[in-house]
C-alpha atoms as a PDB file:
ATOM      1  CA  MET A   1     -98.046 -71.190   7.955  1.00  0.00           C
ATOM      2  CA  LYS A   2     -94.417 -71.823   5.364  1.00  0.00           C
ATOM      3  CA  THR A   3     -91.190 -71.146   7.485  1.00  0.00           C
ATOM      4  CA  LEU A   4     -88.780 -69.327   4.968  1.00  0.00           C
ATOM      5  CA  PHE A   5     -85.830 -70.172   7.303  1.00  0.00           C
ATOM      6  CA  PRO A   6     -84.336 -73.076   5.347  1.00  0.00           C
ATOM      7  CA  ALA A   7     -84.975 -70.785   1.755  1.00  0.00           C
ATOM      8  CA  ALA A   8     -83.159 -67.926   3.813  1.00  0.00           C
ATOM      9  CA  MET A   9     -80.172 -70.121   5.128  1.00  0.00           C
ATOM     10  CA  ILE A  10     -79.049 -71.546   2.037  1.00  0.00           C
ATOM     11  CA  VAL A  11     -79.093 -68.505   0.414  1.00  0.00           C
ATOM     12  CA  ALA A  12     -77.603 -66.991   2.852  1.00  0.00           C
ATOM     13  CA  MET A  13     -74.748 -69.670   3.588  1.00  0.00           C
ATOM     14  CA  ALA A  14     -74.574 -69.160  -0.690  1.00  0.00           C
ATOM     15  CA  LEU A  15     -73.363 -66.009  -0.132  1.00  0.00           C
ATOM     16  CA  GLY A  16     -70.628 -66.700   2.366  1.00  0.00           C
ATOM     17  CA  CYS A  17     -72.910 -65.850   5.775  1.00  0.00           C
ATOM     18  CA  GLY A  18     -73.267 -69.299   7.181  1.00  0.00           C
ATOM     19  CA  GLY A  19     -73.373 -68.202  10.460  1.00  0.00           C
ATOM     20  CA  GLY A  20     -71.040 -70.086  12.664  1.00  0.00           C
ATOM     21  CA  ALA A  21     -68.622 -71.485   9.316  1.00  0.00           C
ATOM     22  CA  THR A  22     -65.084 -71.549  10.305  1.00  0.00           C
ATOM     23  CA  GLU A  23     -64.561 -71.441   6.681  1.00  0.00           C
ATOM     24  CA  PRO A  24     -63.845 -67.728   4.894  1.00  0.00           C
ATOM     25  CA  PRO A  25     -65.715 -67.080   2.159  1.00  0.00           C
ATOM     26  CA  ALA A  26     -64.869 -67.479  -1.071  1.00  0.00           C
ATOM     27  CA  PRO A  27     -62.913 -64.506  -2.870  1.00  0.00           C
ATOM     28  CA  ALA A  28     -64.482 -62.690  -5.700  1.00  0.00           C
ATOM     29  CA  ALA A  29     -64.156 -63.667  -9.430  1.00  0.00           C
ATOM     30  CA  GLU A  30     -61.899 -60.863 -10.129  1.00  0.00           C
ATOM     31  CA  GLN A  31     -59.751 -61.996  -6.889  1.00  0.00           C
ATOM     32  CA  VAL A  32     -59.075 -65.192  -8.727  1.00  0.00           C
ATOM     33  CA  VAL A  33     -55.573 -65.187  -9.194  1.00  0.00           C
ATOM     34  CA  GLU A  34     -54.691 -68.184 -12.020  1.00  0.00           C
ATOM     35  CA  PRO A  35     -51.482 -69.880 -12.112  1.00  0.00           C
ATOM     36  CA  ALA A  36     -49.434 -68.337 -14.924  1.00  0.00           C
ATOM     37  CA  PRO A  37     -48.620 -71.133 -17.683  1.00  0.00           C
ATOM     38  CA  ALA A  38     -44.971 -72.826 -17.298  1.00  0.00           C
ATOM     39  CA  ALA A  39     -41.985 -70.824 -18.750  1.00  0.00           C
ATOM     40  CA  GLY A  40     -41.240 -73.305 -21.602  1.00  0.00           C
ATOM     41  CA  GLU A  41     -39.154 -76.403 -21.308  1.00  0.00           C
ATOM     42  CA  VAL A  42     -36.601 -77.471 -18.514  1.00  0.00           C
ATOM     43  CA  VAL A  43     -33.208 -77.610 -19.981  1.00  0.00           C
ATOM     44  CA  VAL A  44     -31.487 -80.969 -17.800  1.00  0.00           C
ATOM     45  CA  ALA A  45     -27.225 -79.623 -18.186  1.00  0.00           C
ATOM     46  CA  ARG A  46     -25.532 -82.143 -20.671  1.00  0.00           C
ATOM     47  CA  HIS A  47     -23.242 -83.818 -19.732  1.00  0.00           C
ATOM     48  CA  ASP A  48     -21.581 -85.598 -23.549  1.00  0.00           C
ATOM     49  CA  LEU A  49     -21.180 -82.009 -25.095  1.00  0.00           C
ATOM     50  CA  ILE A  50     -17.041 -81.372 -26.052  1.00  0.00           C
ATOM     51  CA  TYR A  51     -16.618 -78.065 -28.027  1.00  0.00           C
ATOM     52  CA  SER A  52     -13.067 -78.909 -30.187  1.00  0.00           C
ATOM     53  CA  CYS A  53     -11.198 -76.875 -32.284  1.00  0.00           C
ATOM     54  CA  ASN A  54     -12.259 -77.370 -35.892  1.00  0.00           C
ATOM     55  CA  CYS A  55      -9.131 -75.099 -38.065  1.00  0.00           C
ATOM     56  CA  GLY A  56      -8.578 -77.720 -40.079  1.00  0.00           C
ATOM     57  CA  PRO A  57      -5.682 -80.276 -41.420  1.00  0.00           C
ATOM     58  CA  ASP A  58      -2.668 -78.055 -40.875  1.00  0.00           C
ATOM     59  CA  CYS A  59      -3.844 -76.648 -37.528  1.00  0.00           C
ATOM     60  CA  SER A  60      -2.564 -78.201 -34.164  1.00  0.00           C
ATOM     61  CA  CYS A  61      -3.944 -76.338 -31.593  1.00  0.00           C
ATOM     62  CA  GLY A  62      -6.044 -78.781 -30.248  1.00  0.00           C
ATOM     63  CA  ALA A  63      -8.161 -76.857 -28.595  1.00  0.00           C
ATOM     64  CA  VAL A  64     -11.185 -78.490 -26.245  1.00  0.00           C
ATOM     65  CA  SER A  65     -13.854 -77.557 -23.985  1.00  0.00           C
ATOM     66  CA  THR A  66     -17.123 -78.445 -22.196  1.00  0.00           C
ATOM     67  CA  LYS A  67     -18.086 -74.797 -23.301  1.00  0.00           C
ATOM     68  CA  PRO A  68     -18.443 -72.619 -26.272  1.00  0.00           C
ATOM     69  CA  GLY A  69     -15.687 -70.464 -26.990  1.00  0.00           C
ATOM     70  CA  LYS A  70     -12.924 -69.719 -29.546  1.00  0.00           C
ATOM     71  CA  CYS A  71      -9.031 -71.688 -29.964  1.00  0.00           C
ATOM     72  CA  GLY A  72      -6.234 -70.613 -29.758  1.00  0.00           C
ATOM     73  CA  CYS A  73      -6.309 -69.910 -33.815  1.00  0.00           C
ATOM     74  CA  GLY A  74      -8.915 -67.864 -33.367  1.00  0.00           C
ATOM     75  CA  THR A  75     -12.163 -69.882 -34.883  1.00  0.00           C
ATOM     76  CA  ASP A  76     -14.987 -70.423 -32.832  1.00  0.00           C
ATOM     77  CA  LEU A  77     -15.047 -74.311 -30.959  1.00  0.00           C
ATOM     78  CA  VAL A  78     -17.208 -76.411 -32.689  1.00  0.00           C
ATOM     79  CA  GLU A  79     -19.787 -78.422 -30.549  1.00  0.00           C
ATOM     80  CA  GLY A  80     -19.747 -82.359 -30.335  1.00  0.00           C
ATOM     81  CA  ARG A  81     -21.537 -84.687 -28.434  1.00  0.00           C
ATOM     82  CA  MET A  82     -19.322 -87.451 -27.227  1.00  0.00           C
ATOM     83  CA  LEU A  83     -20.485 -91.269 -28.188  1.00  0.00           C
ATOM     84  CA  MET A  84     -17.692 -92.549 -26.989  1.00  0.00           C
ATOM     85  CA  ILE A  85     -14.259 -93.127 -25.570  1.00  0.00           C
ATOM     86  CA  ASP A  86     -11.555 -95.078 -25.157  1.00  0.00           C
ATOM     87  CA  GLY A  87      -8.639 -94.868 -23.174  1.00  0.00           C
ATOM     88  CA  SER A  88      -7.859 -90.511 -23.529  1.00  0.00           C
ATOM     89  CA  VAL A  89      -9.489 -90.194 -27.298  1.00  0.00           C
ATOM     90  CA  ALA A  90     -12.923 -89.446 -27.580  1.00  0.00           C
ATOM     91  CA  SER A  91     -15.109 -89.713 -30.842  1.00  0.00           C
ATOM     92  CA  LEU A  92     -17.845 -86.864 -31.319  1.00  0.00           C
ATOM     93  CA  CYS A  93     -20.984 -86.806 -33.667  1.00  0.00           C
ATOM     94  CA  THR A  94     -20.375 -82.804 -34.938  1.00  0.00           C
ATOM     95  CA  CYS A  95     -24.163 -82.753 -36.397  1.00  0.00           C
ATOM     96  CA  GLY A  96     -25.636 -80.657 -34.143  1.00  0.00           C
ATOM     97  CA  PRO A  97     -27.465 -80.763 -30.381  1.00  0.00           C
ATOM     98  CA  ASP A  98     -30.249 -82.207 -31.614  1.00  0.00           C
ATOM     99  CA  CYS A  99     -28.305 -85.328 -33.103  1.00  0.00           C
ATOM    100  CA  LYS A 100     -29.498 -89.041 -32.010  1.00  0.00           C
ATOM    101  CA  CYS A 101     -26.477 -89.963 -33.787  1.00  0.00           C
ATOM    102  CA  GLU A 102     -25.279 -93.332 -32.220  1.00  0.00           C
ATOM    103  CA  ILE A 103     -21.786 -95.170 -32.845  1.00  0.00           C
ATOM    104  CA  GLY A 104     -22.845 -96.101 -37.269  1.00  0.00           C
ATOM    105  CA  ASP A 105     -21.965 -99.690 -39.147  1.00  0.00           C
ATOM    106  CA  ASP A 106     -18.382 -98.075 -39.465  1.00  0.00           C
ATOM    107  CA  PRO A 107     -16.802 -97.365 -36.324  1.00  0.00           C
ATOM    108  CA  SER A 108     -15.375 -94.389 -38.039  1.00  0.00           C
ATOM    109  CA  THR A 109     -18.491 -92.514 -38.780  1.00  0.00           C
ATOM    110  CA  CYS A 110     -21.983 -91.341 -36.865  1.00  0.00           C
ATOM    111  CA  GLY A 111     -25.467 -93.470 -37.783  1.00  0.00           C
ATOM    112  CA  CYS A 112     -25.955 -90.959 -39.597  1.00  0.00           C
ATOM    113  CA  GLY A 113     -23.268 -91.537 -42.184  1.00  0.00           C
ATOM    114  CA  LYS A 114     -20.719 -88.226 -40.860  1.00  0.00           C
ATOM    115  CA  GLU A 115     -17.266 -89.275 -40.393  1.00  0.00           C
ATOM    116  CA  MET A 116     -16.768 -89.078 -36.716  1.00  0.00           C
ATOM    117  CA  LYS A 117     -14.495 -86.565 -34.812  1.00  0.00           C
ATOM    118  CA  LYS A 118     -11.904 -88.203 -32.791  1.00  0.00           C
ATOM    119  CA  VAL A 119     -10.413 -85.321 -30.028  1.00  0.00           C
ATOM    120  CA  ASP A 120      -7.499 -86.456 -27.217  1.00  0.00           C
ATOM    121  CA  LEU A 121      -8.414 -85.186 -23.880  1.00  0.00           C
ATOM    122  CA  ALA A 122      -5.182 -85.852 -22.311  1.00  0.00           C
ATOM    123  CA  GLY A 123      -3.603 -82.922 -20.538  1.00  0.00           C
ATOM    124  CA  THR A 124      -7.106 -80.700 -21.860  1.00  0.00           C
ATOM    125  CA  GLY A 125      -7.872 -80.921 -17.489  1.00  0.00           C
ATOM    126  CA  ILE A 126     -11.285 -82.366 -18.400  1.00  0.00           C
ATOM    127  CA  TYR A 127     -12.706 -84.781 -16.479  1.00  0.00           C
ATOM    128  CA  TYR A 128     -14.152 -88.130 -17.945  1.00  0.00           C
ATOM    129  CA  CYS A 129     -15.792 -91.151 -17.935  1.00  0.00           C
ATOM    130  CA  ASN A 130     -13.719 -94.332 -18.642  1.00  0.00           C
ATOM    131  CA  CYS A 131     -15.459 -97.839 -17.485  1.00  0.00           C
ATOM    132  CA  GLY A 132     -12.803 -99.260 -18.877  1.00  0.00           C
ATOM    133  CA  GLY A 133     -12.656-100.849 -22.786  1.00  0.00           C
ATOM    134  CA  SER A 134     -14.706 -98.586 -24.943  1.00  0.00           C
ATOM    135  CA  CYS A 135     -16.828 -97.116 -22.241  1.00  0.00           C
ATOM    136  CA  LYS A 136     -20.035 -95.160 -23.687  1.00  0.00           C
ATOM    137  CA  CYS A 137     -21.450 -93.331 -20.103  1.00  0.00           C
ATOM    138  CA  ASN A 138     -20.559 -90.410 -22.366  1.00  0.00           C
ATOM    139  CA  TYR A 139     -20.043 -88.236 -19.341  1.00  0.00           C
ATOM    140  CA  VAL A 140     -17.805 -84.812 -19.143  1.00  0.00           C
ATOM    141  CA  SER A 141     -17.397 -82.510 -16.866  1.00  0.00           C
ATOM    142  CA  ASP A 142     -14.841 -79.380 -16.351  1.00  0.00           C
ATOM    143  CA  GLN A 143     -14.635 -80.465 -12.666  1.00  0.00           C
ATOM    144  CA  ALA A 144     -13.695 -83.660 -10.689  1.00  0.00           C
ATOM    145  CA  GLY A 145     -17.112 -86.194 -10.115  1.00  0.00           C
ATOM    146  CA  ARG A 146     -18.527 -89.206 -10.913  1.00  0.00           C
ATOM    147  CA  CYS A 147     -20.646 -89.899 -14.480  1.00  0.00           C
ATOM    148  CA  ALA A 148     -23.989 -91.333 -14.552  1.00  0.00           C
ATOM    149  CA  CYS A 149     -23.134 -94.826 -13.969  1.00  0.00           C
ATOM    150  CA  GLY A 150     -21.516 -93.926 -10.449  1.00  0.00           C
ATOM    151  CA  MET A 151     -17.308 -94.014 -11.261  1.00  0.00           C
ATOM    152  CA  GLU A 152     -15.400 -91.317 -10.522  1.00  0.00           C
ATOM    153  CA  LEU A 153     -14.505 -88.784 -13.131  1.00  0.00           C
ATOM    154  CA  LYS A 154     -10.831 -89.507 -14.382  1.00  0.00           C
ATOM    155  CA  THR A 155      -8.632 -86.718 -16.122  1.00  0.00           C
ATOM    156  CA  SER A 156      -5.539 -87.915 -18.005  1.00  0.00           C
END
């Protein structure tokens, strides 16, 4: 005589009726919640951007900020990526936020050939890294702290 018990037990276990099993049965397919896809890229805070007045050669307002805004002349501040600081003078590339430029062969130009903008940070309240000589940490902030290389940020 054949016994159906082992086959019935296998079917019962597959359906989640394992008798002494300690795990709860698996949820039905309509109860399974899939994780939501990641919402875009993770944005890392930039510490190399300086916004400055770009009113032209006749303007002497000297507006500089670590955030977008308007200068005293009423025009929008222009974003620049700091490539170098010498003393309190920052050299900026104004090619745009996705620029990968470095200092060009001519120290007055970016690698893309565009002329670098020079901005004096003295008296602006902006903190910056100045490791000595021609620092290339390119770190600016509106608050005291440490730059990427670990040096204390300075302000003039």
